[in-house]
Amino acid sequence: FEDTFVRTSVIFDNLNPRWPPWSQRAIKFNIAHPSSIIYLGVFDYDENYLDDHDPIGRIAIHLDTFESNTVYTLKYRLFNGDIPKKTDKGTITIRLQIRWKKSLSEVSKAQSFLTPPRFIINTKTDRSWKAIRYLTRGPVDMTDVTIDSCKIYANELVDHFKEYCYLFDIAAEIFLWRGRFPLDSIVIFVAVTLAVEFPIYLPSIFLYAIAYALLKNNYHLSTNPSPWLRAKSVRQTARANIGVKSNPVRIFPGTGEEEANTLSKIEEYRMHRVTGFLYESLKIVLQVYRVYSKTTPVDIST
């Protein structure tokens, strides 16, 4: 985490390790930036100093998605980042709590869209350096242009196909004026009309359109029924910027799980609907191309 790395006690000869209270299992970090990421990895410990610790899996925990003064019991699936598809290496359960000493200054820094500073970590051994490199960069160094790194970027684009379908479906709803009260369609219609009638306002309309899209996306993410998938709303961000402390949040097991599954099915239906539309459109385009690409002989003799 940031410029610090620690490790727990080693549990020998156990595929399902549990750390007892007297072992090194509790870790406390000082937070320099609220948007910093905790990198957590599990390794197969090797007592031979000539060999490296074999990585089993790793996770990345974003602190800006958690509320302060709340104790979380979290269960994550471990992935080793294999190419071309990640392989599940098991699960890990941890307990996490965040406490702010300077809520106003620290949270304001996080909400001012400043990226965390660059941290430098020094290690004594080569094995520790390789372990930290694996935690922060994974099994493949994405800074190098290799076939494996290109595969990872390609798979990341494919993984976001659901988001692309969602944006396409939203654009279709706006264009077709669908919904009980098509507010988005009205706003877009007014913006396009102003841009056509008054081209001088085009830069301002473009910037306002970006802000409006960000607000709509934030509203969509902040209203997710699952507390684990819900993003912080603009209202929460504004309260944090003015120094209002957040109250502890208690999340019961299974909260919003059924509603989140229903929402996931709706998104899958949208994805299949957009995929079907694109497939049928491509078929029509190919049929038209085949018809007009054929050369028909014409008798021009007199």
Protein backbone atom coordinates (compact mmCIF):
# COMPACT_ATOMS: atom_id res chain seq x y z
CA PHE A 1 0.00 0.00 0.00
CA GLU A 2 1.54 3.26 -1.24
CA ASP A 3 5.21 3.21 -0.07
CA THR A 4 4.85 0.33 2.43
CA PHE A 5 4.83 -3.42 2.01
CA VAL A 6 4.27 -6.00 4.75
CA ARG A 7 3.56 -9.69 4.92
CA THR A 8 1.68 -11.93 7.31
CA SER A 9 3.01 -14.94 9.16
CA VAL A 10 3.63 -18.05 7.05
CA ILE A 11 1.14 -20.91 7.42
CA PHE A 12 2.95 -24.12 6.46
CA ASP A 13 1.45 -27.17 4.73
CA ASN A 14 -2.12 -25.90 4.53
CA LEU A 15 -4.26 -25.29 1.45
CA ASN A 16 -6.94 -23.52 3.52
CA PRO A 17 -4.88 -21.37 5.92
CA ARG A 18 -6.34 -19.44 8.82
CA TRP A 19 -4.25 -16.92 10.71
CA PRO A 20 -4.64 -17.27 14.51
CA PRO A 21 -4.85 -14.18 16.76
CA TRP A 22 -1.24 -14.52 17.94
CA SER A 23 0.15 -14.48 14.40
CA GLN A 24 1.05 -11.48 12.28
CA ARG A 25 -2.32 -10.84 10.63
CA ALA A 26 -3.45 -7.31 11.62
CA ILE A 27 -1.89 -4.48 9.59
CA LYS A 28 -2.37 -0.73 10.00
CA PHE A 29 -1.45 1.74 7.26
CA ASN A 30 -1.25 5.51 7.19
CA ILE A 31 -3.14 6.89 4.20
CA ALA A 32 -1.40 9.56 2.16
CA HIS A 33 -4.11 9.72 -0.52
CA PRO A 34 -7.70 8.42 -0.20
CA SER A 35 -7.72 7.05 -3.76
CA SER A 36 -4.72 4.79 -3.21
CA ILE A 37 -5.08 1.07 -3.88
CA ILE A 38 -4.28 -1.83 -1.57
CA TYR A 39 -2.59 -4.68 -3.44
CA LEU A 40 -2.98 -8.02 -1.69
CA GLY A 41 -1.35 -11.22 -2.87
CA VAL A 42 -1.09 -14.85 -1.79
CA PHE A 43 2.14 -16.76 -2.38
CA ASP A 44 3.43 -20.27 -1.96
CA TYR A 45 6.31 -19.67 0.44
CA ASP A 46 9.66 -21.16 -0.59
CA GLU A 47 12.25 -21.62 2.14
CA ASN A 48 15.06 -21.97 -0.38
CA TYR A 49 16.62 -18.52 -0.77
CA LEU A 50 17.67 -19.34 -4.32
CA ASP A 51 14.06 -19.75 -5.46
CA ASP A 52 11.26 -17.21 -5.66
CA HIS A 53 7.92 -17.40 -3.89
CA ASP A 54 5.36 -18.84 -6.32
CA PRO A 55 2.40 -16.46 -6.77
CA ILE A 56 -1.07 -17.96 -6.32
CA GLY A 57 -3.26 -14.94 -6.89
CA ARG A 58 -3.75 -11.26 -6.17
CA ILE A 59 -6.46 -8.64 -5.71
CA ALA A 60 -6.65 -4.84 -5.80
CA ILE A 61 -8.85 -2.97 -3.30
CA HIS A 62 -9.90 0.61 -4.10
CA LEU A 63 -10.37 2.56 -0.89
CA ASP A 64 -12.57 5.27 -2.41
CA THR A 65 -15.47 2.81 -2.65
CA PHE A 66 -15.73 2.28 1.13
CA GLU A 67 -17.37 4.36 3.83
CA SER A 68 -15.38 5.57 6.82
CA ASN A 69 -15.90 4.25 10.37
CA THR A 70 -17.40 1.03 8.98
CA VAL A 71 -16.01 -2.46 9.51
CA TYR A 72 -16.16 -4.56 6.34
CA THR A 73 -15.80 -8.33 6.12
CA LEU A 74 -14.81 -8.88 2.51
CA LYS A 75 -14.47 -12.05 0.46
CA TYR A 76 -12.61 -11.86 -2.84
CA ARG A 77 -11.82 -14.36 -5.56
CA LEU A 78 -8.12 -14.69 -6.30
CA PHE A 79 -6.90 -14.45 -9.88
CA ASN A 80 -3.45 -14.97 -11.24
CA GLY A 81 -4.10 -13.04 -14.43
CA ASP A 82 -3.44 -15.90 -16.83
CA ILE A 83 -3.57 -15.31 -20.57
CA PRO A 84 -5.96 -15.24 -22.36
CA LYS A 85 -8.47 -15.82 -19.57
CA LYS A 86 -8.12 -15.33 -15.85
CA THR A 87 -8.10 -18.50 -13.78
CA ASP A 88 -9.83 -18.67 -10.41
CA LYS A 89 -7.27 -19.60 -7.74
CA GLY A 90 -9.60 -19.66 -4.72
CA THR A 91 -10.94 -17.05 -2.33
CA ILE A 92 -9.60 -14.89 0.49
CA THR A 93 -11.54 -13.28 3.36
CA ILE A 94 -10.28 -10.11 5.04
CA ARG A 95 -11.56 -7.46 7.43
CA LEU A 96 -11.14 -3.80 6.52
CA GLN A 97 -11.84 -0.54 8.32
CA ILE A 98 -11.01 3.04 7.30
CA ARG A 99 -10.68 5.88 9.80
CA TRP A 100 -10.02 9.47 8.76
CA LYS A 101 -8.07 11.74 11.07
CA LYS A 102 -8.41 14.76 8.79
CA SER A 103 -11.68 14.16 7.04
CA LEU A 104 -12.00 17.55 5.38
CA SER A 105 -8.54 17.87 3.85
CA GLU A 106 -8.07 14.23 2.88
CA VAL A 107 -11.51 13.64 1.41
CA SER A 108 -11.40 16.94 -0.44
CA LYS A 109 -8.12 15.86 -1.97
CA ALA A 110 -9.71 12.62 -3.11
CA GLN A 111 -12.74 14.33 -4.60
CA SER A 112 -10.68 16.94 -6.46
CA PHE A 113 -9.86 14.32 -9.10
CA LEU A 114 -6.16 14.32 -8.26
CA THR A 115 -4.44 11.03 -8.96
CA PRO A 116 -2.38 9.47 -6.16
CA PRO A 117 1.28 10.48 -6.17
CA ARG A 118 3.96 8.10 -7.36
CA PHE A 119 5.45 6.04 -4.55
CA ILE A 120 8.89 4.41 -4.50
CA ILE A 121 9.45 1.19 -2.52
CA ASN A 122 12.90 -0.10 -1.59
CA THR A 123 13.49 -3.77 -0.86
CA LYS A 124 16.40 -5.67 0.62
CA THR A 125 16.10 -8.89 -1.41
CA ASP A 126 15.39 -9.73 -5.01
CA ARG A 127 12.56 -12.05 -3.97
CA SER A 128 10.73 -9.19 -2.26
CA TRP A 129 11.17 -7.00 -5.32
CA LYS A 130 9.69 -9.69 -7.59
CA ALA A 131 6.77 -10.20 -5.21
CA ILE A 132 5.97 -6.47 -5.16
CA ARG A 133 6.32 -6.25 -8.92
CA TYR A 134 3.84 -9.10 -9.30
CA LEU A 135 1.39 -7.43 -6.90
CA THR A 136 1.41 -4.06 -8.65
CA ARG A 137 1.83 -5.11 -12.30
CA GLY A 138 0.68 -8.71 -12.46
CA PRO A 139 2.37 -11.61 -14.23
CA VAL A 140 2.71 -9.54 -17.42
CA ASP A 141 4.46 -6.18 -17.52
CA MET A 142 1.97 -3.91 -19.25
CA THR A 143 4.61 -1.22 -19.80
CA ASP A 144 6.30 -3.43 -22.40
CA VAL A 145 4.75 -3.95 -25.84
CA THR A 146 4.48 -7.73 -26.11
CA ILE A 147 1.97 -10.22 -27.47
CA ASP A 148 0.73 -11.01 -23.95
CA SER A 149 0.18 -7.33 -23.08
CA CYS A 150 -1.69 -6.79 -26.36
CA LYS A 151 -3.89 -9.80 -25.55
CA ILE A 152 -4.71 -8.32 -22.16
CA TYR A 153 -5.73 -4.98 -23.74
CA ALA A 154 -7.86 -6.82 -26.33
CA ASN A 155 -9.57 -8.91 -23.63
CA GLU A 156 -10.25 -5.76 -21.62
CA LEU A 157 -12.05 -4.22 -24.59
CA VAL A 158 -14.09 -7.40 -25.01
CA ASP A 159 -14.97 -7.43 -21.30
CA HIS A 160 -16.50 -3.95 -21.71
CA PHE A 161 -18.81 -5.13 -24.50
CA LYS A 162 -21.77 -5.00 -22.09
CA GLU A 163 -21.07 -1.31 -21.44
CA TYR A 164 -20.91 -0.64 -25.18
CA CYS A 165 -24.28 -2.33 -25.66
CA TYR A 166 -25.73 -0.31 -22.78
CA LEU A 167 -24.58 2.98 -24.35
CA PHE A 168 -25.95 1.93 -27.74
CA ASP A 169 -29.30 1.01 -26.16
CA ILE A 170 -29.47 4.34 -24.31
CA ALA A 171 -28.70 6.19 -27.54
CA ALA A 172 -31.53 4.29 -29.26
CA GLU A 173 -33.95 5.14 -26.44
CA ILE A 174 -33.04 8.83 -26.72
CA PHE A 175 -33.39 8.83 -30.50
CA LEU A 176 -36.78 7.03 -30.40
CA TRP A 177 -38.14 9.15 -27.50
CA ARG A 178 -38.82 6.10 -25.36
CA GLY A 179 -39.75 6.16 -21.68
CA ARG A 180 -42.54 7.54 -19.52
CA PHE A 181 -41.08 11.04 -19.64
CA PRO A 182 -38.29 11.28 -22.24
CA LEU A 183 -36.28 13.96 -20.43
CA ASP A 184 -33.02 12.93 -22.10
CA SER A 185 -34.62 13.17 -25.54
CA ILE A 186 -35.99 16.63 -24.76
CA VAL A 187 -32.59 17.85 -23.53
CA ILE A 188 -30.80 16.45 -26.59
CA PHE A 189 -33.41 17.94 -28.93
CA VAL A 190 -33.07 21.39 -27.34
CA ALA A 191 -29.25 21.16 -27.43
CA VAL A 192 -29.19 20.15 -31.11
CA THR A 193 -31.68 22.89 -31.99
CA LEU A 194 -29.57 25.53 -30.24
CA ALA A 195 -26.41 24.22 -31.92
CA VAL A 196 -28.02 24.48 -35.36
CA GLU A 197 -29.59 27.90 -34.78
CA PHE A 198 -26.65 29.39 -32.87
CA PRO A 199 -23.38 27.67 -33.89
CA ILE A 200 -21.45 30.07 -31.64
CA TYR A 201 -22.81 28.15 -28.64
CA LEU A 202 -21.51 24.81 -29.94
CA PRO A 203 -18.40 24.62 -27.65
CA SER A 204 -20.51 25.43 -24.59
CA ILE A 205 -23.17 22.90 -25.55
CA PHE A 206 -20.48 20.25 -26.06
CA LEU A 207 -19.00 20.84 -22.60
CA TYR A 208 -22.43 20.84 -20.96
CA ALA A 209 -23.22 17.59 -22.78
CA ILE A 210 -20.14 15.97 -21.24
CA ALA A 211 -21.18 17.13 -17.77
CA TYR A 212 -24.74 15.92 -18.33
CA ALA A 213 -23.51 12.49 -19.47
CA LEU A 214 -21.27 12.20 -16.41
CA LEU A 215 -24.17 13.09 -14.10
CA LYS A 216 -26.46 10.54 -15.73
CA ASN A 217 -23.77 7.86 -15.50
CA ASN A 218 -23.16 8.70 -11.84
CA TYR A 219 -26.90 8.46 -11.14
CA HIS A 220 -27.04 5.06 -12.83
CA LEU A 221 -24.08 3.73 -10.81
CA SER A 222 -25.13 5.28 -7.49
CA THR A 223 -28.63 3.75 -7.61
CA ASN A 224 -27.43 0.16 -7.89
CA PRO A 225 -29.34 -1.95 -5.34
CA SER A 226 -26.19 -3.82 -4.31
CA PRO A 227 -24.08 -1.86 -1.79
CA TRP A 228 -20.95 -3.54 -3.19
CA LEU A 229 -21.60 -2.29 -6.73
CA ARG A 230 -22.98 1.12 -5.79
CA ALA A 231 -20.83 4.17 -6.53
CA LYS A 232 -20.79 7.36 -4.49
CA SER A 233 -23.34 9.88 -5.65
CA VAL A 234 -22.75 13.55 -6.43
CA ARG A 235 -24.57 14.40 -3.19
CA GLN A 236 -22.16 12.29 -1.14
CA THR A 237 -19.22 13.89 -2.92
CA ALA A 238 -20.53 17.39 -2.19
CA ARG A 239 -21.06 16.54 1.49
CA ALA A 240 -17.50 15.21 1.71
CA ASN A 241 -16.10 18.37 0.11
CA ILE A 242 -17.74 20.60 2.70
CA GLY A 243 -16.47 18.42 5.54
CA VAL A 244 -19.63 16.54 6.57
CA LYS A 245 -18.62 13.29 8.27
CA SER A 246 -20.33 10.12 7.10
CA ASN A 247 -22.10 7.87 9.57
CA PRO A 248 -21.24 4.17 9.98
CA VAL A 249 -23.10 1.94 7.53
CA ARG A 250 -24.33 -1.53 8.44
CA ILE A 251 -24.71 -3.94 5.53
CA PHE A 252 -26.65 -7.11 6.21
CA PRO A 253 -25.85 -10.34 4.34
CA GLY A 254 -27.68 -10.55 1.03
CA THR A 255 -28.67 -6.87 0.98
CA GLY A 256 -29.87 -5.95 -2.52
CA GLU A 257 -28.65 -9.28 -3.94
CA GLU A 258 -31.97 -10.25 -5.52
CA GLU A 259 -32.52 -6.79 -7.01
CA ALA A 260 -28.93 -6.70 -8.31
CA ASN A 261 -29.42 -10.09 -10.00
CA THR A 262 -32.60 -8.82 -11.63
CA LEU A 263 -30.78 -5.71 -12.84
CA SER A 264 -27.98 -7.90 -14.20
CA LYS A 265 -30.52 -9.97 -16.15
CA ILE A 266 -32.01 -6.79 -17.60
CA GLU A 267 -28.55 -5.66 -18.71
CA GLU A 268 -27.93 -9.07 -20.28
CA TYR A 269 -31.25 -8.77 -22.12
CA ARG A 270 -30.18 -5.37 -23.40
CA MET A 271 -26.87 -6.82 -24.54
CA HIS A 272 -28.61 -9.63 -26.43
CA ARG A 273 -31.07 -7.16 -27.95
CA VAL A 274 -28.32 -4.86 -29.20
CA THR A 275 -26.26 -7.83 -30.41
CA GLY A 276 -29.27 -9.16 -32.33
CA PHE A 277 -29.92 -5.75 -33.85
CA LEU A 278 -26.31 -5.41 -34.98
CA TYR A 279 -26.32 -8.95 -36.38
CA GLU A 280 -29.52 -8.40 -38.37
CA SER A 281 -28.27 -5.04 -39.63
CA LEU A 282 -25.03 -6.63 -40.79
CA LYS A 283 -26.99 -9.34 -42.61
CA ILE A 284 -29.06 -6.72 -44.44
CA VAL A 285 -25.94 -4.77 -45.41
CA LEU A 286 -24.28 -7.92 -46.75
CA GLN A 287 -27.38 -8.85 -48.75
CA VAL A 288 -27.54 -5.37 -50.28
CA TYR A 289 -23.83 -5.54 -51.09
CA ARG A 290 -24.20 -8.92 -52.77
CA VAL A 291 -27.11 -7.69 -54.87
CA TYR A 292 -25.41 -4.52 -56.10
CA SER A 293 -21.96 -6.03 -56.44
CA LYS A 294 -23.08 -8.47 -59.14
CA THR A 295 -22.48 -7.44 -62.77
CA THR A 296 -25.62 -8.00 -64.85
CA PRO A 297 -24.98 -8.49 -68.59
CA VAL A 298 -26.92 -6.00 -70.73
CA ASP A 299 -27.55 -6.38 -74.47
CA ILE A 300 -26.59 -3.08 -76.06
CA SER A 301 -26.71 -4.29 -79.66
CA THR A 302 -28.97 -2.38 -82.03
